[in-house]
């Protein structure tokens, strides 16, 4: 890959595949990917915020 021809071939294949797929299909694929993605808080910080939230909610319920 010293001359970059493999990279150019890869990029060209990706662009051609993108152009050949219908717009509705691309939109549907993006929406499905969004639904499968985990919440941003978990993605950015792991399970620690979830533990804090559960602890905080249980603390709040005990007070009232």
PDB file of N, CA and C in Angstrom:
ATOM      1  N   UNK A   1       0.831  -1.185   0.000  1.00  0.00           N
ATOM      2  CA  UNK A   1       0.000   0.000   0.000  1.00  0.00           C
ATOM      3  C   UNK A   1       0.875   1.248   0.000  1.00  0.00           C
ATOM      4  N   UNK A   2       2.051   1.113  -0.502  1.00  0.00           N
ATOM      5  CA  UNK A   2       2.986   2.232  -0.522  1.00  0.00           C
ATOM      6  C   UNK A   2       2.503   3.345  -1.448  1.00  0.00           C
ATOM      7  N   UNK A   3       1.873   2.986  -2.551  1.00  0.00           N
ATOM      8  CA  UNK A   3       1.452   4.019  -3.495  1.00  0.00           C
ATOM      9  C   UNK A   3       0.019   4.491  -3.250  1.00  0.00           C
ATOM     10  N   UNK A   4      -0.713   3.823  -2.381  1.00  0.00           N
ATOM     11  CA  UNK A   4      -2.062   4.261  -2.038  1.00  0.00           C
ATOM     12  C   UNK A   4      -3.144   3.750  -2.966  1.00  0.00           C
ATOM     13  N   UNK A   5      -2.800   2.859  -3.875  1.00  0.00           N
ATOM     14  CA  UNK A   5      -3.801   2.368  -4.828  1.00  0.00           C
ATOM     15  C   UNK A   5      -4.883   1.543  -4.138  1.00  0.00           C
ATOM     16  N   UNK A   6      -4.523   0.801  -3.098  1.00  0.00           N
ATOM     17  CA  UNK A   6      -5.532   0.019  -2.372  1.00  0.00           C
ATOM     18  C   UNK A   6      -6.521   0.926  -1.663  1.00  0.00           C
ATOM     19  N   UNK A   7      -6.011   1.998  -1.117  1.00  0.00           N
ATOM     20  CA  UNK A   7      -6.886   2.955  -0.429  1.00  0.00           C
ATOM     21  C   UNK A   7      -7.850   3.601  -1.413  1.00  0.00           C
ATOM     22  N   UNK A   8      -7.350   4.002  -2.579  1.00  0.00           N
ATOM     23  CA  UNK A   8      -8.196   4.612  -3.608  1.00  0.00           C
ATOM     24  C   UNK A   8      -9.257   3.616  -4.060  1.00  0.00           C
ATOM     25  N   UNK A   9      -8.879   2.369  -4.216  1.00  0.00           N
ATOM     26  CA  UNK A   9      -9.831   1.329  -4.626  1.00  0.00           C
ATOM     27  C   UNK A   9     -10.918   1.155  -3.560  1.00  0.00           C
ATOM     28  N   UNK A  10     -10.514   1.120  -2.295  1.00  0.00           N
ATOM     29  CA  UNK A  10     -11.473   0.972  -1.202  1.00  0.00           C
ATOM     30  C   UNK A  10     -12.464   2.140  -1.163  1.00  0.00           C
ATOM     31  N   UNK A  11     -11.944   3.350  -1.244  1.00  0.00           N
ATOM     32  CA  UNK A  11     -12.807   4.539  -1.197  1.00  0.00           C
ATOM     33  C   UNK A  11     -13.747   4.551  -2.396  1.00  0.00           C
ATOM     34  N   UNK A  12     -13.244   4.198  -3.550  1.00  0.00           N
ATOM     35  CA  UNK A  12     -14.079   4.163  -4.755  1.00  0.00           C
ATOM     36  C   UNK A  12     -15.207   3.148  -4.608  1.00  0.00           C
ATOM     37  N   UNK A  13     -14.891   1.974  -4.078  1.00  0.00           N
ATOM     38  CA  UNK A  13     -15.930   0.961  -3.862  1.00  0.00           C
ATOM     39  C   UNK A  13     -16.995   1.459  -2.899  1.00  0.00           C
ATOM     40  N   UNK A  14     -16.576   2.103  -1.822  1.00  0.00           N
ATOM     41  CA  UNK A  14     -17.542   2.621  -0.841  1.00  0.00           C
ATOM     42  C   UNK A  14     -18.440   3.689  -1.455  1.00  0.00           C
ATOM     43  N   UNK A  15     -17.868   4.585  -2.236  1.00  0.00           N
ATOM     44  CA  UNK A  15     -18.646   5.659  -2.857  1.00  0.00           C
ATOM     45  C   UNK A  15     -19.638   5.079  -3.865  1.00  0.00           C
ATOM     46  N   UNK A  16     -19.194   4.154  -4.676  1.00  0.00           N
ATOM     47  CA  UNK A  16     -20.079   3.539  -5.673  1.00  0.00           C
ATOM     48  C   UNK A  16     -21.216   2.795  -4.981  1.00  0.00           C
ATOM     49  N   UNK A  17     -20.917   2.061  -3.924  1.00  0.00           N
ATOM     50  CA  UNK A  17     -21.963   1.340  -3.183  1.00  0.00           C
ATOM     51  C   UNK A  17     -22.964   2.328  -2.594  1.00  0.00           C
ATOM     52  N   UNK A  18     -22.474   3.425  -2.056  1.00  0.00           N
ATOM     53  CA  UNK A  18     -23.353   4.443  -1.477  1.00  0.00           C
ATOM     54  C   UNK A  18     -24.255   5.043  -2.541  1.00  0.00           C
ATOM     55  N   UNK A  19     -23.704   5.366  -3.679  1.00  0.00           N
ATOM     56  CA  UNK A  19     -24.481   6.002  -4.752  1.00  0.00           C
ATOM     57  C   UNK A  19     -25.515   5.044  -5.317  1.00  0.00           C
ATOM     58  N   UNK A  20     -25.184   3.756  -5.395  1.00  0.00           N
ATOM     59  CA  UNK A  20     -26.096   2.783  -5.998  1.00  0.00           C
ATOM     60  C   UNK A  20     -27.268   2.413  -5.096  1.00  0.00           C
ATOM     61  N   UNK A  21     -27.160   2.583  -3.793  1.00  0.00           N
ATOM     62  CA  UNK A  21     -28.280   2.245  -2.918  1.00  0.00           C
ATOM     63  C   UNK A  21     -29.312   3.360  -2.953  1.00  0.00           C
ATOM     64  N   UNK A  22     -30.580   2.988  -2.984  1.00  0.00           N
ATOM     65  CA  UNK A  22     -31.636   4.007  -3.012  1.00  0.00           C
ATOM     66  C   UNK A  22     -31.643   4.852  -1.731  1.00  0.00           C
ATOM     67  N   UNK A  23     -32.126   6.071  -1.858  1.00  0.00           N
ATOM     68  CA  UNK A  23     -32.134   7.013  -0.745  1.00  0.00           C
ATOM     69  C   UNK A  23     -32.979   6.483   0.416  1.00  0.00           C
ATOM     70  N   UNK A  24     -34.127   5.886   0.108  1.00  0.00           N
ATOM     71  CA  UNK A  24     -35.010   5.372   1.157  1.00  0.00           C
ATOM     72  C   UNK A  24     -34.326   4.256   1.946  1.00  0.00           C
ATOM     73  N   UNK A  25     -33.599   3.399   1.250  1.00  0.00           N
ATOM     74  CA  UNK A  25     -32.902   2.290   1.916  1.00  0.00           C
ATOM     75  C   UNK A  25     -31.799   2.814   2.838  1.00  0.00           C
ATOM     76  N   UNK A  26     -31.046   3.820   2.381  1.00  0.00           N
ATOM     77  CA  UNK A  26     -30.007   4.414   3.227  1.00  0.00           C
ATOM     78  C   UNK A  26     -30.611   5.036   4.477  1.00  0.00           C
ATOM     79  N   UNK A  27     -31.748   5.714   4.302  1.00  0.00           N
ATOM     80  CA  UNK A  27     -32.424   6.344   5.435  1.00  0.00           C
ATOM     81  C   UNK A  27     -32.898   5.285   6.435  1.00  0.00           C
ATOM     82  N   UNK A  28     -33.440   4.188   5.932  1.00  0.00           N
ATOM     83  CA  UNK A  28     -33.915   3.109   6.792  1.00  0.00           C
ATOM     84  C   UNK A  28     -32.751   2.462   7.551  1.00  0.00           C
ATOM     85  N   UNK A  29     -31.632   2.267   6.895  1.00  0.00           N
ATOM     86  CA  UNK A  29     -30.463   1.677   7.544  1.00  0.00           C
ATOM     87  C   UNK A  29     -29.956   2.580   8.656  1.00  0.00           C
ATOM     88  N   UNK A  30     -29.937   3.896   8.417  1.00  0.00           N
ATOM     89  CA  UNK A  30     -29.497   4.840   9.448  1.00  0.00           C
ATOM     90  C   UNK A  30     -30.429   4.818  10.656  1.00  0.00           C
ATOM     91  N   UNK A  31     -31.746   4.759  10.419  1.00  0.00           N
ATOM     92  CA  UNK A  31     -32.698   4.739  11.527  1.00  0.00           C
ATOM     93  C   UNK A  31     -32.574   3.451  12.339  1.00  0.00           C
ATOM     94  N   UNK A  32     -32.369   2.321  11.675  1.00  0.00           N
ATOM     95  CA  UNK A  32     -32.194   1.055  12.385  1.00  0.00           C
ATOM     96  C   UNK A  32     -30.923   1.084  13.231  1.00  0.00           C
ATOM     97  N   UNK A  33     -29.871   1.670  12.697  1.00  0.00           N
ATOM     98  CA  UNK A  33     -28.621   1.764  13.446  1.00  0.00           C
ATOM     99  C   UNK A  33     -28.792   2.654  14.676  1.00  0.00           C
ATOM    100  N   UNK A  34     -29.569   3.727  14.556  1.00  0.00           N
ATOM    101  CA  UNK A  34     -29.822   4.606  15.699  1.00  0.00           C
ATOM    102  C   UNK A  34     -30.593   3.874  16.788  1.00  0.00           C
ATOM    103  N   UNK A  35     -31.544   3.041  16.408  1.00  0.00           N
ATOM    104  CA  UNK A  35     -32.341   2.320  17.390  1.00  0.00           C
ATOM    105  C   UNK A  35     -31.500   1.272  18.128  1.00  0.00           C
ATOM    106  N   UNK A  36     -30.532   0.684  17.460  1.00  0.00           N
ATOM    107  CA  UNK A  36     -29.713  -0.346  18.077  1.00  0.00           C
ATOM    108  C   UNK A  36     -28.619   0.234  18.971  1.00  0.00           C
ATOM    109  N   UNK A  37     -28.309   1.503  18.784  1.00  0.00           N
ATOM    110  CA  UNK A  37     -27.228   2.127  19.541  1.00  0.00           C
ATOM    111  C   UNK A  37     -27.650   2.343  20.984  1.00  0.00           C
ATOM    112  N   UNK A  38     -26.735   2.136  21.906  1.00  0.00           N
ATOM    113  CA  UNK A  38     -27.037   2.319  23.323  1.00  0.00           C
ATOM    114  C   UNK A  38     -27.091   3.814  23.656  1.00  0.00           C
ATOM    115  N   UNK A  39     -27.708   4.186  24.767  1.00  0.00           N
ATOM    116  CA  UNK A  39     -27.837   5.595  25.129  1.00  0.00           C
ATOM    117  C   UNK A  39     -26.475   6.287  25.246  1.00  0.00           C
ATOM    118  N   UNK A  40     -26.453   7.583  24.982  1.00  0.00           N
ATOM    119  CA  UNK A  40     -25.183   8.319  24.958  1.00  0.00           C
ATOM    120  C   UNK A  40     -24.484   8.313  26.306  1.00  0.00           C
ATOM    121  N   UNK A  41     -25.232   8.314  27.385  1.00  0.00           N
ATOM    122  CA  UNK A  41     -24.613   8.331  28.708  1.00  0.00           C
ATOM    123  C   UNK A  41     -23.802   7.053  28.939  1.00  0.00           C
ATOM    124  N   UNK A  42     -24.348   5.928  28.533  1.00  0.00           N
ATOM    125  CA  UNK A  42     -23.645   4.651  28.678  1.00  0.00           C
ATOM    126  C   UNK A  42     -22.461   4.590  27.718  1.00  0.00           C
ATOM    127  N   UNK A  43     -22.647   5.077  26.514  1.00  0.00           N
ATOM    128  CA  UNK A  43     -21.560   5.058  25.536  1.00  0.00           C
ATOM    129  C   UNK A  43     -20.376   5.890  25.996  1.00  0.00           C
ATOM    130  N   UNK A  44     -20.646   7.033  26.601  1.00  0.00           N
ATOM    131  CA  UNK A  44     -19.567   7.939  26.985  1.00  0.00           C
ATOM    132  C   UNK A  44     -18.924   7.561  28.308  1.00  0.00           C
ATOM    133  N   UNK A  45     -19.714   7.102  29.264  1.00  0.00           N
ATOM    134  CA  UNK A  45     -19.193   6.925  30.613  1.00  0.00           C
ATOM    135  C   UNK A  45     -19.316   5.508  31.162  1.00  0.00           C
ATOM    136  N   UNK A  46     -19.855   4.573  30.413  1.00  0.00           N
ATOM    137  CA  UNK A  46     -19.971   3.200  30.881  1.00  0.00           C
ATOM    138  C   UNK A  46     -21.162   3.014  31.807  1.00  0.00           C
ATOM    139  N   UNK A  47     -21.065   2.052  32.707  1.00  0.00           N
ATOM    140  CA  UNK A  47     -22.180   1.730  33.583  1.00  0.00           C
ATOM    141  C   UNK A  47     -22.199   2.540  34.875  1.00  0.00           C
ATOM    142  N   UNK A  48     -21.172   3.305  35.145  1.00  0.00           N
ATOM    143  CA  UNK A  48     -21.129   4.093  36.381  1.00  0.00           C
ATOM    144  C   UNK A  48     -22.312   5.055  36.497  1.00  0.00           C
ATOM    145  N   UNK A  49     -22.677   5.821  35.469  1.00  0.00           N
ATOM    146  CA  UNK A  49     -23.831   6.714  35.600  1.00  0.00           C
ATOM    147  C   UNK A  49     -25.131   5.960  35.879  1.00  0.00           C
ATOM    148  N   UNK A  50     -25.258   4.761  35.313  1.00  0.00           N
ATOM    149  CA  UNK A  50     -26.455   3.972  35.574  1.00  0.00           C
ATOM    150  C   UNK A  50     -26.530   3.599  37.046  1.00  0.00           C
ATOM    151  N   UNK A  51     -25.415   3.186  37.628  1.00  0.00           N
ATOM    152  CA  UNK A  51     -25.383   2.853  39.052  1.00  0.00           C
ATOM    153  C   UNK A  51     -25.709   4.053  39.920  1.00  0.00           C
ATOM    154  N   UNK A  52     -25.165   5.207  39.576  1.00  0.00           N
ATOM    155  CA  UNK A  52     -25.456   6.431  40.332  1.00  0.00           C
ATOM    156  C   UNK A  52     -26.930   6.786  40.218  1.00  0.00           C
ATOM    157  N   UNK A  53     -27.500   6.638  39.015  1.00  0.00           N
ATOM    158  CA  UNK A  53     -28.918   6.960  38.825  1.00  0.00           C
ATOM    159  C   UNK A  53     -29.808   6.033  39.649  1.00  0.00           C
ATOM    160  N   UNK A  54     -29.523   4.752  39.648  1.00  0.00           N
ATOM    161  CA  UNK A  54     -30.305   3.800  40.437  1.00  0.00           C
ATOM    162  C   UNK A  54     -30.185   4.137  41.919  1.00  0.00           C
ATOM    163  N   UNK A  55     -28.985   4.426  42.369  1.00  0.00           N
ATOM    164  CA  UNK A  55     -28.775   4.794  43.771  1.00  0.00           C
ATOM    165  C   UNK A  55     -29.535   6.070  44.112  1.00  0.00           C
ATOM    166  N   UNK A  56     -29.462   7.065  43.253  1.00  0.00           N
ATOM    167  CA  UNK A  56     -30.114   8.351  43.512  1.00  0.00           C
ATOM    168  C   UNK A  56     -31.641   8.191  43.538  1.00  0.00           C
ATOM    169  N   UNK A  57     -32.187   7.416  42.610  1.00  0.00           N
ATOM    170  CA  UNK A  57     -33.641   7.199  42.579  1.00  0.00           C
ATOM    171  C   UNK A  57     -34.111   6.474  43.838  1.00  0.00           C
ATOM    172  N   UNK A  58     -33.349   5.460  44.284  1.00  0.00           N
ATOM    173  CA  UNK A  58     -33.763   4.732  45.478  1.00  0.00           C
ATOM    174  C   UNK A  58     -33.652   5.642  46.714  1.00  0.00           C
ATOM    175  N   UNK A  59     -32.658   6.499  46.741  1.00  0.00           N
ATOM    176  CA  UNK A  59     -32.498   7.457  47.835  1.00  0.00           C
ATOM    177  C   UNK A  59     -33.656   8.434  47.881  1.00  0.00           C
ATOM    178  N   UNK A  60     -34.063   8.892  46.703  1.00  0.00           N
ATOM    179  CA  UNK A  60     -35.167   9.850  46.607  1.00  0.00           C
ATOM    180  C   UNK A  60     -36.480   9.203  47.050  1.00  0.00           C
ATOM    181  N   UNK A  61     -36.690   7.932  46.673  1.00  0.00           N
ATOM    182  CA  UNK A  61     -37.930   7.240  47.068  1.00  0.00           C
ATOM    183  C   UNK A  61     -37.994   7.041  48.589  1.00  0.00           C
ATOM    184  N   UNK A  62     -36.871   6.790  49.222  1.00  0.00           N
ATOM    185  CA  UNK A  62     -36.857   6.582  50.663  1.00  0.00           C
ATOM    186  C   UNK A  62     -37.213   7.856  51.425  1.00  0.00           C
ATOM    187  N   UNK A  63     -36.838   8.990  50.893  1.00  0.00           N
ATOM    188  CA  UNK A  63     -37.128  10.264  51.560  1.00  0.00           C
ATOM    189  C   UNK A  63     -38.610  10.614  51.523  1.00  0.00           C
ATOM    190  N   UNK A  64     -39.296  10.273  50.463  1.00  0.00           N
ATOM    191  CA  UNK A  64     -40.707  10.669  50.354  1.00  0.00           C
ATOM    192  C   UNK A  64     -41.666   9.628  50.862  1.00  0.00           C
TER     193      UNK A  64
END
